[in-house]
C-alpha atoms as a PDB file:
ATOM      1  CA  MET A   1       7.836 -34.687  15.976  1.00  0.00           C
ATOM      2  CA  LYS A   2       7.484 -35.006  19.720  1.00  0.00           C
ATOM      3  CA  HIS A   3       6.061 -31.468  19.967  1.00  0.00           C
ATOM      4  CA  SER A   4       3.533 -31.788  17.116  1.00  0.00           C
ATOM      5  CA  PRO A   5       0.473 -32.480  19.313  1.00  0.00           C
ATOM      6  CA  LEU A   6       1.335 -29.529  21.557  1.00  0.00           C
ATOM      7  CA  ILE A   7       1.735 -27.234  18.565  1.00  0.00           C
ATOM      8  CA  MET A   8      -1.596 -28.378  17.116  1.00  0.00           C
ATOM      9  CA  ILE A   9      -3.402 -27.777  20.414  1.00  0.00           C
ATOM     10  CA  ALA A  10      -1.835 -24.331  20.732  1.00  0.00           C
ATOM     11  CA  LEU A  11      -2.890 -23.402  17.199  1.00  0.00           C
ATOM     12  CA  LEU A  12      -6.447 -24.585  17.769  1.00  0.00           C
ATOM     13  CA  LEU A  13      -6.737 -22.651  21.014  1.00  0.00           C
ATOM     14  CA  SER A  14      -5.249 -19.480  19.553  1.00  0.00           C
ATOM     15  CA  GLY A  15      -7.771 -19.519  16.697  1.00  0.00           C
ATOM     16  CA  HIS A  16     -10.647 -20.049  19.093  1.00  0.00           C
ATOM     17  CA  LEU A  17      -9.508 -17.223  21.355  1.00  0.00           C
ATOM     18  CA  ALA A  18      -9.041 -14.856  18.434  1.00  0.00           C
ATOM     19  CA  LEU A  19     -12.712 -15.237  17.486  1.00  0.00           C
ATOM     20  CA  ALA A  20     -14.039 -15.151  21.042  1.00  0.00           C
ATOM     21  CA  GLY A  21     -15.121 -11.502  20.987  1.00  0.00           C
ATOM     22  CA  PHE A  22     -15.827 -11.128  17.290  1.00  0.00           C
ATOM     23  CA  LYS A  23     -19.328 -11.271  15.815  1.00  0.00           C
ATOM     24  CA  VAL A  24     -20.009 -10.940  12.094  1.00  0.00           C
ATOM     25  CA  PRO A  25     -23.161  -8.955  11.341  1.00  0.00           C
ATOM     26  CA  LYS A  26     -25.966 -10.715   9.508  1.00  0.00           C
ATOM     27  CA  SER A  27     -26.493  -7.897   7.023  1.00  0.00           C
ATOM     28  CA  ILE A  28     -24.301  -7.664   3.939  1.00  0.00           C
ATOM     29  CA  PHE A  29     -23.725  -4.575   1.824  1.00  0.00           C
ATOM     30  CA  THR A  30     -21.955  -4.249  -1.500  1.00  0.00           C
ATOM     31  CA  ILE A  31     -19.503  -1.426  -2.169  1.00  0.00           C
ATOM     32  CA  ASP A  32     -22.293   0.412  -4.009  1.00  0.00           C
ATOM     33  CA  GLU A  33     -24.233   0.492  -0.718  1.00  0.00           C
ATOM     34  CA  LEU A  34     -21.334   1.817   1.359  1.00  0.00           C
ATOM     35  CA  ASP A  35     -23.091   5.044   2.373  1.00  0.00           C
ATOM     36  CA  GLU A  36     -26.111   3.086   3.623  1.00  0.00           C
ATOM     37  CA  ALA A  37     -23.816   0.726   5.557  1.00  0.00           C
ATOM     38  CA  LYS A  38     -22.033   3.689   7.178  1.00  0.00           C
ATOM     39  CA  GLN A  39     -25.332   5.239   8.253  1.00  0.00           C
ATOM     40  CA  GLU A  40     -26.595   1.970   9.735  1.00  0.00           C
ATOM     41  CA  ALA A  41     -23.326   1.313  11.559  1.00  0.00           C
ATOM     42  CA  THR A  42     -23.274   4.839  12.950  1.00  0.00           C
ATOM     43  CA  ALA A  43     -26.899   4.640  14.093  1.00  0.00           C
ATOM     44  CA  ASP A  44     -26.306   1.288  15.824  1.00  0.00           C
ATOM     45  CA  LYS A  45     -22.887   2.384  17.185  1.00  0.00           C
ATOM     46  CA  GLU A  46     -21.324  -0.681  15.558  1.00  0.00           C
ATOM     47  CA  PRO A  47     -17.995  -1.015  13.724  1.00  0.00           C
ATOM     48  CA  LEU A  48     -17.960  -1.285   9.940  1.00  0.00           C
ATOM     49  CA  ILE A  49     -16.239  -4.443   8.690  1.00  0.00           C
ATOM     50  CA  PHE A  50     -14.824  -4.821   5.180  1.00  0.00           C
ATOM     51  CA  VAL A  51     -14.441  -8.282   3.664  1.00  0.00           C
ATOM     52  CA  TYR A  52     -13.121  -8.433   0.123  1.00  0.00           C
ATOM     53  CA  THR A  53     -14.540 -11.338  -1.886  1.00  0.00           C
ATOM     54  CA  ASP A  54     -15.239 -12.271  -5.456  1.00  0.00           C
ATOM     55  CA  PRO A  55     -19.016 -12.751  -5.707  1.00  0.00           C
ATOM     56  CA  GLY A  56     -18.571 -14.878  -8.837  1.00  0.00           C
ATOM     57  CA  SER A  57     -16.421 -17.487  -7.084  1.00  0.00           C
ATOM     58  CA  THR A  58     -17.641 -20.533  -5.239  1.00  0.00           C
END
């Protein structure tokens, strides 16, 4: 257990660094709007990000 604080600090820093260059767009499209999302992403020269969720869950 002597290394637990060091491991926790390393995990916290690695998570922070992983998100450092990642921005989630404010607009959200459903799968039915995929063509519109592709057009907008292409026009803005932005990547298209897929996040699978259950809209009925909390």
